[in-house]
Amino acid sequence: MGDDLGDEWWQHEGKAGQHSCIPPSFYTKGQRLHHRNTTGPPGNNWCTCTDPSEAEEEEEEEETEAEKQPTEKSKAEKRKRVAERNIKAKKKKDNEQKACVVPPKKKEEEAEDEKSAKPKKKRKKKKTITDVLAAAELKPGGPADLQDLVSQFFSDKRCVIEQEELRLQNSCFLSSNDLTHSLSSYLKLVCPKWAKIQKQHSGKSSVILLLVCSSALRAIELIKQLTAFKGEAKAVKLFAKHIKIEEQMKLLQKGVTHIGVGTPGRISALIEKEGLSLGALKYVVLDWNWRDQKLRRMVDIPEIKLDFMKLLESGILAACKEDKIKIGLF
């Protein structure tokens, strides 16, 4: 009975290519359905149905996606190329700007560069006065040195006639120290009758012997060195360090003093205030040859030199011309 039907009745298709047992509305887009085939032969109870229009749509979408992929890749490559071009252009612009900003080296700068490239010569150190004096042989001072100092100092302050009046005779000077004497031995040489002279002195606010030095410390050293010479004579400190001028004036007025040791500034100040009289003064000894750490003498220091000249003008030079005072250079 089945042979007369021709095609197998279980493979019959509907008008839309769908299985007759499933309505067309049951299919979804691109969906392939597997349903139970109850009419087919035994052993193959499942049937596969496909919507042909949905299959066509799937193929079209795959084609469009395949077309889109290369276009997206090409766009990404183009963006990358544009970005690389922009970076290169920016670098080139920056290099051009730097080249414009840096000016070309001038000839002077090139010459300086050449000089700096050459090895520098060592400069010789300038010799100071201390170095010169240290290398030179120290010579003892004499009356001529004091005369020259006085004439140079007053050359622009006094006229020629007054300068001649300031010049002292050789008889105004004691013998100078030849750098072999101590202070006591030198004073014994220039003041052989010291013991008799000091006994005869009885005046207040005055001294017989005046030692002039550069500083208070040097004055204390000289007072210590006087021990072998002074005997019973009394020595007084005449410097400004830690001692007021009023105290020194009172000390000079209290008793008899024979020797005064101090600096030119304080001695001249005492003479101006009449705290010290030059009436009994017989000897002025200058600490001429002593030098400090910088190898400077008393008259090499500007401030002390000025005070020293003021002291000489205060009456010592005039008394020397009258043969009342003798000057010695120790």
C-alpha atoms as a PDB file:
ATOM      1  CA  MET A   1       0.000   0.000   0.000  1.00  0.00           C
ATOM      2  CA  GLY A   2       2.880   2.313   0.676  1.00  0.00           C
ATOM      3  CA  ASP A   3       4.499   1.618  -2.700  1.00  0.00           C
ATOM      4  CA  ASP A   4       1.704   3.420  -4.543  1.00  0.00           C
ATOM      5  CA  LEU A   5       2.352   6.734  -2.777  1.00  0.00           C
ATOM      6  CA  GLY A   6       5.718   7.363  -4.497  1.00  0.00           C
ATOM      7  CA  ASP A   7       7.842   9.604  -2.325  1.00  0.00           C
ATOM      8  CA  GLU A   8       7.991   8.783   1.280  1.00  0.00           C
ATOM      9  CA  TRP A   9       5.176  10.502   2.952  1.00  0.00           C
ATOM     10  CA  TRP A  10       7.293  11.475   5.975  1.00  0.00           C
ATOM     11  CA  GLN A  11       9.568  13.748   3.871  1.00  0.00           C
ATOM     12  CA  HIS A  12       6.722  15.956   2.709  1.00  0.00           C
ATOM     13  CA  GLU A  13       7.484  19.706   2.852  1.00  0.00           C
ATOM     14  CA  GLY A  14       5.122  22.625   3.249  1.00  0.00           C
ATOM     15  CA  LYS A  15       4.763  25.619   1.015  1.00  0.00           C
ATOM     16  CA  ALA A  16       7.403  27.659   2.832  1.00  0.00           C
ATOM     17  CA  GLY A  17       9.872  24.789   3.002  1.00  0.00           C
ATOM     18  CA  GLN A  18       8.797  24.012   6.578  1.00  0.00           C
ATOM     19  CA  HIS A  19       7.718  20.713   8.044  1.00  0.00           C
ATOM     20  CA  SER A  20       4.043  20.246   7.878  1.00  0.00           C
ATOM     21  CA  CYS A  21       3.861  19.296  11.492  1.00  0.00           C
ATOM     22  CA  ILE A  22       5.299  22.657  12.718  1.00  0.00           C
ATOM     23  CA  PRO A  23       3.599  25.988  11.955  1.00  0.00           C
ATOM     24  CA  PRO A  24       5.771  28.702  10.381  1.00  0.00           C
ATOM     25  CA  SER A  25       5.300  31.048  13.347  1.00  0.00           C
ATOM     26  CA  PHE A  26       7.196  28.595  15.566  1.00  0.00           C
ATOM     27  CA  TYR A  27      10.527  29.314  13.815  1.00  0.00           C
ATOM     28  CA  THR A  28      12.819  32.069  15.052  1.00  0.00           C
ATOM     29  CA  LYS A  29      15.477  34.023  13.152  1.00  0.00           C
ATOM     30  CA  GLY A  30      18.241  31.739  11.920  1.00  0.00           C
ATOM     31  CA  GLN A  31      17.022  28.933  14.143  1.00  0.00           C
ATOM     32  CA  ARG A  32      17.282  25.343  13.168  1.00  0.00           C
ATOM     33  CA  LEU A  33      14.653  23.155  14.886  1.00  0.00           C
ATOM     34  CA  HIS A  34      14.881  19.575  15.801  1.00  0.00           C
ATOM     35  CA  HIS A  35      11.546  17.981  16.564  1.00  0.00           C
ATOM     36  CA  ARG A  36      10.271  14.573  17.061  1.00  0.00           C
ATOM     37  CA  ASN A  37       9.271  12.793  13.890  1.00  0.00           C
ATOM     38  CA  THR A  38       6.490  10.489  14.824  1.00  0.00           C
ATOM     39  CA  THR A  39       5.554   9.737  11.254  1.00  0.00           C
ATOM     40  CA  GLY A  40       8.918   8.692   9.926  1.00  0.00           C
ATOM     41  CA  PRO A  41      10.471   5.305   9.808  1.00  0.00           C
ATOM     42  CA  PRO A  42      11.731   3.774  12.947  1.00  0.00           C
ATOM     43  CA  GLY A  43      15.352   4.590  13.928  1.00  0.00           C
ATOM     44  CA  ASN A  44      15.253   8.201  12.680  1.00  0.00           C
ATOM     45  CA  ASN A  45      12.702   9.865  14.903  1.00  0.00           C
ATOM     46  CA  TRP A  46      14.125  13.431  14.611  1.00  0.00           C
ATOM     47  CA  CYS A  47      13.645  15.929  11.823  1.00  0.00           C
ATOM     48  CA  THR A  48      15.678  19.055  11.109  1.00  0.00           C
ATOM     49  CA  CYS A  49      13.846  22.145   9.725  1.00  0.00           C
ATOM     50  CA  THR A  50      15.418  25.387   8.580  1.00  0.00           C
ATOM     51  CA  ASP A  51      14.004  28.777   7.570  1.00  0.00           C
ATOM     52  CA  PRO A  52      15.631  29.586   4.171  1.00  0.00           C
ATOM     53  CA  SER A  53      15.013  33.377   4.454  1.00  0.00           C
ATOM     54  CA  GLU A  54      16.778  33.514   7.818  1.00  0.00           C
ATOM     55  CA  ALA A  55      19.723  31.605   6.427  1.00  0.00           C
ATOM     56  CA  GLU A  56      20.072  34.173   3.662  1.00  0.00           C
ATOM     57  CA  GLU A  57      20.042  36.976   6.201  1.00  0.00           C
ATOM     58  CA  GLU A  58      22.779  35.232   8.247  1.00  0.00           C
ATOM     59  CA  GLU A  59      24.947  34.951   5.139  1.00  0.00           C
ATOM     60  CA  GLU A  60      24.489  38.641   4.362  1.00  0.00           C
ATOM     61  CA  GLU A  61      25.452  39.619   7.930  1.00  0.00           C
ATOM     62  CA  GLU A  62      28.576  37.461   7.770  1.00  0.00           C
ATOM     63  CA  GLU A  63      29.546  39.126   4.495  1.00  0.00           C
ATOM     64  CA  THR A  64      29.049  42.627   5.951  1.00  0.00           C
ATOM     65  CA  GLU A  65      31.098  41.712   9.027  1.00  0.00           C
ATOM     66  CA  ALA A  66      33.868  40.370   6.798  1.00  0.00           C
ATOM     67  CA  GLU A  67      33.789  43.652   4.848  1.00  0.00           C
ATOM     68  CA  LYS A  68      33.830  45.746   8.027  1.00  0.00           C
ATOM     69  CA  GLN A  69      36.854  43.991   9.541  1.00  0.00           C
ATOM     70  CA  PRO A  70      39.400  45.098   6.928  1.00  0.00           C
ATOM     71  CA  THR A  71      38.004  48.632   6.914  1.00  0.00           C
ATOM     72  CA  GLU A  72      38.402  48.900  10.713  1.00  0.00           C
ATOM     73  CA  LYS A  73      41.960  47.604  10.463  1.00  0.00           C
ATOM     74  CA  SER A  74      42.779  50.112   7.747  1.00  0.00           C
ATOM     75  CA  LYS A  75      41.345  52.954   9.842  1.00  0.00           C
ATOM     76  CA  ALA A  76      43.467  51.954  12.843  1.00  0.00           C
ATOM     77  CA  GLU A  77      46.570  51.836  10.638  1.00  0.00           C
ATOM     78  CA  LYS A  78      45.756  55.269   9.214  1.00  0.00           C
ATOM     79  CA  ARG A  79      45.346  56.734  12.712  1.00  0.00           C
ATOM     80  CA  LYS A  80      48.677  55.215  13.750  1.00  0.00           C
ATOM     81  CA  ARG A  81      50.430  56.706  10.708  1.00  0.00           C
ATOM     82  CA  VAL A  82      48.897  60.143  11.341  1.00  0.00           C
ATOM     83  CA  ALA A  83      50.005  60.023  14.974  1.00  0.00           C
ATOM     84  CA  GLU A  84      53.575  59.071  13.939  1.00  0.00           C
ATOM     85  CA  ARG A  85      53.653  61.915  11.401  1.00  0.00           C
ATOM     86  CA  ASN A  86      52.489  64.402  14.036  1.00  0.00           C
ATOM     87  CA  ILE A  87      55.180  63.248  16.499  1.00  0.00           C
ATOM     88  CA  LYS A  88      57.894  63.538  13.832  1.00  0.00           C
ATOM     89  CA  ALA A  89      56.696  66.997  12.825  1.00  0.00           C
ATOM     90  CA  LYS A  90      56.662  68.150  16.469  1.00  0.00           C
ATOM     91  CA  LYS A  91      60.215  66.873  17.053  1.00  0.00           C
ATOM     92  CA  LYS A  92      61.409  68.607  13.906  1.00  0.00           C
ATOM     93  CA  LYS A  93      59.787  71.865  14.993  1.00  0.00           C
ATOM     94  CA  ASP A  94      61.383  71.655  18.454  1.00  0.00           C
ATOM     95  CA  ASN A  95      64.818  71.044  16.944  1.00  0.00           C
ATOM     96  CA  GLU A  96      64.395  74.030  14.626  1.00  0.00           C
ATOM     97  CA  GLN A  97      63.389  76.255  17.554  1.00  0.00           C
ATOM     98  CA  LYS A  98      66.416  75.139  19.589  1.00  0.00           C
ATOM     99  CA  ALA A  99      68.681  75.819  16.648  1.00  0.00           C
ATOM    100  CA  CYS A 100      67.206  79.325  16.387  1.00  0.00           C
ATOM    101  CA  VAL A 101      67.556  80.061  20.122  1.00  0.00           C
ATOM    102  CA  VAL A 102      71.245  79.035  20.441  1.00  0.00           C
ATOM    103  CA  PRO A 103      73.274  81.902  18.950  1.00  0.00           C
ATOM    104  CA  PRO A 104      76.410  81.158  16.995  1.00  0.00           C
ATOM    105  CA  LYS A 105      79.648  81.548  18.961  1.00  0.00           C
ATOM    106  CA  LYS A 106      81.342  84.855  18.530  1.00  0.00           C
ATOM    107  CA  LYS A 107      85.014  85.237  17.811  1.00  0.00           C
ATOM    108  CA  GLU A 108      85.669  86.500  21.322  1.00  0.00           C
ATOM    109  CA  GLU A 109      84.034  83.427  22.852  1.00  0.00           C
ATOM    110  CA  GLU A 110      86.010  81.169  20.536  1.00  0.00           C
ATOM    111  CA  ALA A 111      89.200  82.928  21.572  1.00  0.00           C
ATOM    112  CA  GLU A 112      88.272  82.487  25.237  1.00  0.00           C
ATOM    113  CA  ASP A 113      87.617  78.792  24.639  1.00  0.00           C
ATOM    114  CA  GLU A 114      91.048  78.461  23.055  1.00  0.00           C
ATOM    115  CA  LYS A 115      92.644  80.253  26.000  1.00  0.00           C
ATOM    116  CA  SER A 116      90.822  78.050  28.499  1.00  0.00           C
ATOM    117  CA  ALA A 117      92.004  74.979  26.621  1.00  0.00           C
ATOM    118  CA  LYS A 118      95.618  76.088  27.025  1.00  0.00           C
ATOM    119  CA  PRO A 119      97.291  75.162  30.332  1.00  0.00           C
ATOM    120  CA  LYS A 120      97.230  78.071  32.780  1.00  0.00           C
ATOM    121  CA  LYS A 121     100.507  79.445  34.037  1.00  0.00           C
ATOM    122  CA  LYS A 122     100.997  79.543  37.763  1.00  0.00           C
ATOM    123  CA  ARG A 123     101.032  83.069  39.087  1.00  0.00           C
ATOM    124  CA  LYS A 124     103.804  84.046  41.393  1.00  0.00           C
ATOM    125  CA  LYS A 125     102.673  85.136  44.805  1.00  0.00           C
ATOM    126  CA  LYS A 126     103.287  88.769  45.581  1.00  0.00           C
ATOM    127  CA  LYS A 127     105.764  89.260  48.349  1.00  0.00           C
ATOM    128  CA  THR A 128     104.440  91.038  51.402  1.00  0.00           C
ATOM    129  CA  ILE A 129     106.404  93.460  53.564  1.00  0.00           C
ATOM    130  CA  THR A 130     106.729  90.711  56.164  1.00  0.00           C
ATOM    131  CA  ASP A 131     108.304  88.351  53.613  1.00  0.00           C
ATOM    132  CA  VAL A 132     110.735  91.022  52.462  1.00  0.00           C
ATOM    133  CA  LEU A 133     111.747  91.902  56.010  1.00  0.00           C
ATOM    134  CA  ALA A 134     112.119  88.233  56.951  1.00  0.00           C
ATOM    135  CA  ALA A 135     114.466  87.640  54.022  1.00  0.00           C
ATOM    136  CA  ALA A 136     116.445  90.839  54.582  1.00  0.00           C
ATOM    137  CA  GLU A 137     119.042  91.282  57.280  1.00  0.00           C
ATOM    138  CA  LEU A 138     117.695  93.443  60.090  1.00  0.00           C
ATOM    139  CA  LYS A 139     119.930  96.415  60.752  1.00  0.00           C
ATOM    140  CA  PRO A 140     119.939  98.410  63.994  1.00  0.00           C
ATOM    141  CA  GLY A 141     118.420 101.880  63.854  1.00  0.00           C
ATOM    142  CA  GLY A 142     120.404 105.064  64.372  1.00  0.00           C
ATOM    143  CA  PRO A 143     119.932 108.818  64.716  1.00  0.00           C
ATOM    144  CA  ALA A 144     119.773 109.233  60.916  1.00  0.00           C
ATOM    145  CA  ASP A 145     116.714 106.963  60.750  1.00  0.00           C
ATOM    146  CA  LEU A 146     114.834 109.102  63.265  1.00  0.00           C
ATOM    147  CA  GLN A 147     115.846 112.306  61.471  1.00  0.00           C
ATOM    148  CA  ASP A 148     114.597 110.956  58.145  1.00  0.00           C
ATOM    149  CA  LEU A 149     111.305 109.826  59.706  1.00  0.00           C
ATOM    150  CA  VAL A 150     110.670 113.280  61.204  1.00  0.00           C
ATOM    151  CA  SER A 151     111.527 115.127  57.978  1.00  0.00           C
ATOM    152  CA  GLN A 152     109.287 112.851  55.870  1.00  0.00           C
ATOM    153  CA  PHE A 153     106.356 113.174  58.247  1.00  0.00           C
ATOM    154  CA  PHE A 154     106.463 116.974  58.396  1.00  0.00           C
ATOM    155  CA  SER A 155     107.445 117.544  54.742  1.00  0.00           C
ATOM    156  CA  ASP A 156     103.864 118.429  53.707  1.00  0.00           C
ATOM    157  CA  LYS A 157     102.890 119.991  57.044  1.00  0.00           C
ATOM    158  CA  ARG A 158     105.690 122.490  57.659  1.00  0.00           C
ATOM    159  CA  CYS A 159     107.562 124.928  55.531  1.00  0.00           C
ATOM    160  CA  VAL A 160     111.261 124.497  54.742  1.00  0.00           C
ATOM    161  CA  ILE A 161     112.407 126.794  57.570  1.00  0.00           C
ATOM    162  CA  GLU A 162     110.300 124.988  60.153  1.00  0.00           C
ATOM    163  CA  GLN A 163     111.575 121.634  58.936  1.00  0.00           C
ATOM    164  CA  GLU A 164     115.152 122.796  59.468  1.00  0.00           C
ATOM    165  CA  GLU A 165     114.258 123.837  62.998  1.00  0.00           C
ATOM    166  CA  LEU A 166     113.052 120.311  63.694  1.00  0.00           C
ATOM    167  CA  ARG A 167     116.417 118.792  62.780  1.00  0.00           C
ATOM    168  CA  LEU A 168     118.417 117.677  65.803  1.00  0.00           C
ATOM    169  CA  GLN A 169     122.156 117.792  66.339  1.00  0.00           C
ATOM    170  CA  ASN A 170     124.098 114.591  66.855  1.00  0.00           C
ATOM    171  CA  SER A 171     124.785 115.706  70.411  1.00  0.00           C
ATOM    172  CA  CYS A 172     121.067 115.258  71.156  1.00  0.00           C
ATOM    173  CA  PHE A 173     121.356 111.468  70.759  1.00  0.00           C
ATOM    174  CA  LEU A 174     122.679 108.735  72.995  1.00  0.00           C
ATOM    175  CA  SER A 175     124.606 105.811  71.520  1.00  0.00           C
ATOM    176  CA  SER A 176     122.276 103.377  69.753  1.00  0.00           C
ATOM    177  CA  ASN A 177     121.821  99.686  70.484  1.00  0.00           C
ATOM    178  CA  ASP A 178     123.747  97.452  68.087  1.00  0.00           C
ATOM    179  CA  LEU A 179     121.385  94.504  68.806  1.00  0.00           C
ATOM    180  CA  THR A 180     123.876  92.945  71.220  1.00  0.00           C
ATOM    181  CA  HIS A 181     122.614  94.591  74.415  1.00  0.00           C
ATOM    182  CA  SER A 182     119.772  93.732  76.735  1.00  0.00           C
ATOM    183  CA  LEU A 183     117.702  96.638  78.058  1.00  0.00           C
ATOM    184  CA  SER A 184     119.525  96.761  81.405  1.00  0.00           C
ATOM    185  CA  SER A 185     122.985  96.596  79.820  1.00  0.00           C
ATOM    186  CA  TYR A 186     122.061  99.287  77.296  1.00  0.00           C
ATOM    187  CA  LEU A 187     120.716 101.628  80.009  1.00  0.00           C
ATOM    188  CA  LYS A 188     123.852 101.119  82.090  1.00  0.00           C
ATOM    189  CA  LEU A 189     125.864 102.085  79.019  1.00  0.00           C
ATOM    190  CA  VAL A 190     123.959 105.316  78.292  1.00  0.00           C
ATOM    191  CA  CYS A 191     123.234 106.260  81.950  1.00  0.00           C
ATOM    192  CA  PRO A 192     126.420 105.495  83.876  1.00  0.00           C
ATOM    193  CA  LYS A 193     125.510 107.798  86.797  1.00  0.00           C
ATOM    194  CA  TRP A 194     121.990 106.455  87.271  1.00  0.00           C
ATOM    195  CA  ALA A 195     122.281 105.708  90.988  1.00  0.00           C
ATOM    196  CA  LYS A 196     123.276 109.307  91.768  1.00  0.00           C
ATOM    197  CA  ILE A 197     120.644 110.838  89.442  1.00  0.00           C
ATOM    198  CA  GLN A 198     117.781 108.852  90.890  1.00  0.00           C
ATOM    199  CA  LYS A 199     118.648 109.868  94.460  1.00  0.00           C
ATOM    200  CA  GLN A 200     118.602 113.540  93.485  1.00  0.00           C
ATOM    201  CA  HIS A 201     115.113 113.258  91.948  1.00  0.00           C
ATOM    202  CA  SER A 202     112.309 114.276  94.290  1.00  0.00           C
ATOM    203  CA  GLY A 203     109.669 115.853  92.037  1.00  0.00           C
ATOM    204  CA  LYS A 204     106.107 114.519  91.680  1.00  0.00           C
ATOM    205  CA  SER A 205     104.184 114.006  88.438  1.00  0.00           C
ATOM    206  CA  SER A 206     107.488 113.637  86.624  1.00  0.00           C
ATOM    207  CA  VAL A 207     110.063 110.998  85.659  1.00  0.00           C
ATOM    208  CA  ILE A 208     113.775 110.964  84.839  1.00  0.00           C
ATOM    209  CA  LEU A 209     113.705 108.199  82.252  1.00  0.00           C
ATOM    210  CA  LEU A 210     110.907 107.616  79.715  1.00  0.00           C
ATOM    211  CA  LEU A 211     110.710 104.332  77.799  1.00  0.00           C
ATOM    212  CA  VAL A 212     108.448 104.540  74.721  1.00  0.00           C
ATOM    213  CA  CYS A 213     107.167 101.289  73.153  1.00  0.00           C
ATOM    214  CA  SER A 214     104.381 100.106  70.822  1.00  0.00           C
ATOM    215  CA  SER A 215     101.958  98.252  73.123  1.00  0.00           C
ATOM    216  CA  ALA A 216     100.943  97.534  76.722  1.00  0.00           C
ATOM    217  CA  LEU A 217     102.274  93.970  76.551  1.00  0.00           C
ATOM    218  CA  ARG A 218     105.636  95.210  75.338  1.00  0.00           C
ATOM    219  CA  ALA A 219     105.679  97.775  78.165  1.00  0.00           C
ATOM    220  CA  ILE A 220     105.192  95.033  80.769  1.00  0.00           C
ATOM    221  CA  GLU A 221     108.072  93.052  79.227  1.00  0.00           C
ATOM    222  CA  LEU A 222     110.358  96.083  79.394  1.00  0.00           C
ATOM    223  CA  ILE A 223     109.475  96.735  83.042  1.00  0.00           C
ATOM    224  CA  LYS A 224     110.488  93.152  83.865  1.00  0.00           C
ATOM    225  CA  GLN A 225     113.794  93.665  82.049  1.00  0.00           C
ATOM    226  CA  LEU A 226     114.532  96.785  84.120  1.00  0.00           C
ATOM    227  CA  THR A 227     115.128  94.837  87.322  1.00  0.00           C
ATOM    228  CA  ALA A 228     118.929  94.684  86.943  1.00  0.00           C
ATOM    229  CA  PHE A 229     119.176  98.388  86.153  1.00  0.00           C
ATOM    230  CA  LYS A 230     116.682 100.384  88.213  1.00  0.00           C
ATOM    231  CA  GLY A 231     117.818  99.393  91.707  1.00  0.00           C
ATOM    232  CA  GLU A 232     115.652 101.278  94.191  1.00  0.00           C
ATOM    233  CA  ALA A 233     114.023 103.393  91.510  1.00  0.00           C
ATOM    234  CA  LYS A 234     110.264 103.216  91.030  1.00  0.00           C
ATOM    235  CA  ALA A 235     108.763 102.435  87.600  1.00  0.00           C
ATOM    236  CA  VAL A 236     105.208 103.266  86.532  1.00  0.00           C
ATOM    237  CA  LYS A 237     103.042 101.906  83.709  1.00  0.00           C
ATOM    238  CA  LEU A 238     101.863 104.538  81.252  1.00  0.00           C
ATOM    239  CA  PHE A 239      99.541 102.798  78.801  1.00  0.00           C
ATOM    240  CA  ALA A 240      95.795 102.821  78.202  1.00  0.00           C
ATOM    241  CA  LYS A 241      94.959  99.124  78.565  1.00  0.00           C
ATOM    242  CA  HIS A 242      92.827  98.476  81.701  1.00  0.00           C
ATOM    243  CA  ILE A 243      94.082 101.710  83.315  1.00  0.00           C
ATOM    244  CA  LYS A 244      92.170 104.994  83.267  1.00  0.00           C
ATOM    245  CA  ILE A 245      94.104 108.181  82.711  1.00  0.00           C
ATOM    246  CA  GLU A 246      92.736 109.705  85.951  1.00  0.00           C
ATOM    247  CA  GLU A 247      94.157 106.799  87.961  1.00  0.00           C
ATOM    248  CA  GLN A 248      97.572 107.295  86.374  1.00  0.00           C
ATOM    249  CA  MET A 249      97.498 111.027  87.128  1.00  0.00           C
ATOM    250  CA  LYS A 250      96.691 110.315  90.793  1.00  0.00           C
ATOM    251  CA  LEU A 251      99.478 107.722  90.958  1.00  0.00           C
ATOM    252  CA  LEU A 252     102.022 110.190  89.571  1.00  0.00           C
ATOM    253  CA  GLN A 253     100.920 112.867  92.058  1.00  0.00           C
ATOM    254  CA  LYS A 254     101.076 110.590  95.108  1.00  0.00           C
ATOM    255  CA  GLY A 255     104.765 109.797  95.176  1.00  0.00           C
ATOM    256  CA  VAL A 256     108.096 110.081  93.421  1.00  0.00           C
ATOM    257  CA  THR A 257     108.497 107.991  90.249  1.00  0.00           C
ATOM    258  CA  HIS A 258     111.774 107.644  88.384  1.00  0.00           C
ATOM    259  CA  ILE A 259     110.953 105.614  85.282  1.00  0.00           C
ATOM    260  CA  GLY A 260     107.880 105.740  83.069  1.00  0.00           C
ATOM    261  CA  VAL A 261     107.200 102.934  80.550  1.00  0.00           C
ATOM    262  CA  GLY A 262     104.293 103.278  78.131  1.00  0.00           C
ATOM    263  CA  THR A 263     102.840 103.958  74.703  1.00  0.00           C
ATOM    264  CA  PRO A 264     103.100 107.250  72.763  1.00  0.00           C
ATOM    265  CA  GLY A 265      99.327 107.860  72.820  1.00  0.00           C
ATOM    266  CA  ARG A 266      98.883 107.689  76.593  1.00  0.00           C
ATOM    267  CA  ILE A 267     102.126 109.574  77.369  1.00  0.00           C
ATOM    268  CA  SER A 268     101.165 112.476  75.064  1.00  0.00           C
ATOM    269  CA  ALA A 269      97.636 112.517  76.611  1.00  0.00           C
ATOM    270  CA  LEU A 270      99.157 112.782  80.130  1.00  0.00           C
ATOM    271  CA  ILE A 271     101.403 115.641  79.002  1.00  0.00           C
ATOM    272  CA  GLU A 272      98.402 117.504  77.487  1.00  0.00           C
ATOM    273  CA  LYS A 273      96.383 117.136  80.717  1.00  0.00           C
ATOM    274  CA  GLU A 274      99.421 118.184  82.765  1.00  0.00           C
ATOM    275  CA  GLY A 275      99.408 114.851  84.534  1.00  0.00           C
ATOM    276  CA  LEU A 276     103.035 114.340  83.508  1.00  0.00           C
ATOM    277  CA  SER A 277     105.691 117.046  83.538  1.00  0.00           C
ATOM    278  CA  LEU A 278     108.791 117.111  81.335  1.00  0.00           C
ATOM    279  CA  GLY A 279     110.726 119.348  83.747  1.00  0.00           C
ATOM    280  CA  ALA A 280     112.775 116.547  85.351  1.00  0.00           C
ATOM    281  CA  LEU A 281     113.025 114.377  82.209  1.00  0.00           C
ATOM    282  CA  LYS A 282     116.613 113.650  81.096  1.00  0.00           C
ATOM    283  CA  TYR A 283     116.421 110.489  78.937  1.00  0.00           C
ATOM    284  CA  VAL A 284     113.930 109.302  76.302  1.00  0.00           C
ATOM    285  CA  VAL A 285     114.664 105.757  75.141  1.00  0.00           C
ATOM    286  CA  LEU A 286     112.746 104.511  72.100  1.00  0.00           C
ATOM    287  CA  ASP A 287     112.041 100.804  71.642  1.00  0.00           C
ATOM    288  CA  TRP A 288     113.116 101.260  68.033  1.00  0.00           C
ATOM    289  CA  ASN A 289     114.487  97.890  66.922  1.00  0.00           C
ATOM    290  CA  TRP A 290     111.809  95.614  68.410  1.00  0.00           C
ATOM    291  CA  ARG A 291     109.398  94.050  65.910  1.00  0.00           C
ATOM    292  CA  ASP A 292     106.040  92.343  66.366  1.00  0.00           C
ATOM    293  CA  GLN A 293     104.841  89.074  64.783  1.00  0.00           C
ATOM    294  CA  LYS A 294     104.476  90.814  61.433  1.00  0.00           C
ATOM    295  CA  LEU A 295     108.034  92.159  61.760  1.00  0.00           C
ATOM    296  CA  ARG A 296     106.797  95.737  62.151  1.00  0.00           C
ATOM    297  CA  ARG A 297     108.618  98.299  64.231  1.00  0.00           C
ATOM    298  CA  MET A 298     106.864 100.806  66.405  1.00  0.00           C
ATOM    299  CA  VAL A 299     107.118 103.489  63.703  1.00  0.00           C
ATOM    300  CA  ASP A 300     105.865 101.107  60.968  1.00  0.00           C
ATOM    301  CA  ILE A 301     102.367 100.983  62.477  1.00  0.00           C
ATOM    302  CA  PRO A 302     100.422 104.060  61.209  1.00  0.00           C
ATOM    303  CA  GLU A 303      98.411 104.750  64.392  1.00  0.00           C
ATOM    304  CA  ILE A 304     101.424 104.481  66.686  1.00  0.00           C
ATOM    305  CA  LYS A 305     103.553 106.526  64.297  1.00  0.00           C
ATOM    306  CA  LEU A 306     101.015 109.351  64.441  1.00  0.00           C
ATOM    307  CA  ASP A 307     100.957 109.281  68.261  1.00  0.00           C
ATOM    308  CA  PHE A 308     104.745 109.174  68.351  1.00  0.00           C
ATOM    309  CA  MET A 309     105.074 112.300  66.203  1.00  0.00           C
ATOM    310  CA  LYS A 310     102.528 114.024  68.411  1.00  0.00           C
ATOM    311  CA  LEU A 311     104.634 113.092  71.462  1.00  0.00           C
ATOM    312  CA  LEU A 312     107.771 114.548  69.898  1.00  0.00           C
ATOM    313  CA  GLU A 313     105.910 117.782  69.144  1.00  0.00           C
ATOM    314  CA  SER A 314     104.588 118.015  72.713  1.00  0.00           C
ATOM    315  CA  GLY A 315     107.918 119.425  73.950  1.00  0.00           C
ATOM    316  CA  ILE A 316     110.517 116.680  73.586  1.00  0.00           C
ATOM    317  CA  LEU A 317     112.055 118.033  70.364  1.00  0.00           C
ATOM    318  CA  ALA A 318     112.246 121.538  71.806  1.00  0.00           C
ATOM    319  CA  ALA A 319     113.884 120.230  75.000  1.00  0.00           C
ATOM    320  CA  CYS A 320     116.385 118.240  72.907  1.00  0.00           C
ATOM    321  CA  LYS A 321     117.397 121.394  71.029  1.00  0.00           C
ATOM    322  CA  GLU A 322     117.964 123.071  74.397  1.00  0.00           C
ATOM    323  CA  ASP A 323     120.146 120.104  75.415  1.00  0.00           C
ATOM    324  CA  LYS A 324     117.883 119.178  78.319  1.00  0.00           C
ATOM    325  CA  ILE A 325     116.818 115.740  76.978  1.00  0.00           C
ATOM    326  CA  LYS A 326     118.816 113.004  75.249  1.00  0.00           C
ATOM    327  CA  ILE A 327     117.224 110.452  72.911  1.00  0.00           C
ATOM    328  CA  GLY A 328     118.385 106.871  72.645  1.00  0.00           C
ATOM    329  CA  LEU A 329     117.350 104.137  70.167  1.00  0.00           C
ATOM    330  CA  PHE A 330     117.245 100.692  71.799  1.00  0.00           C
END
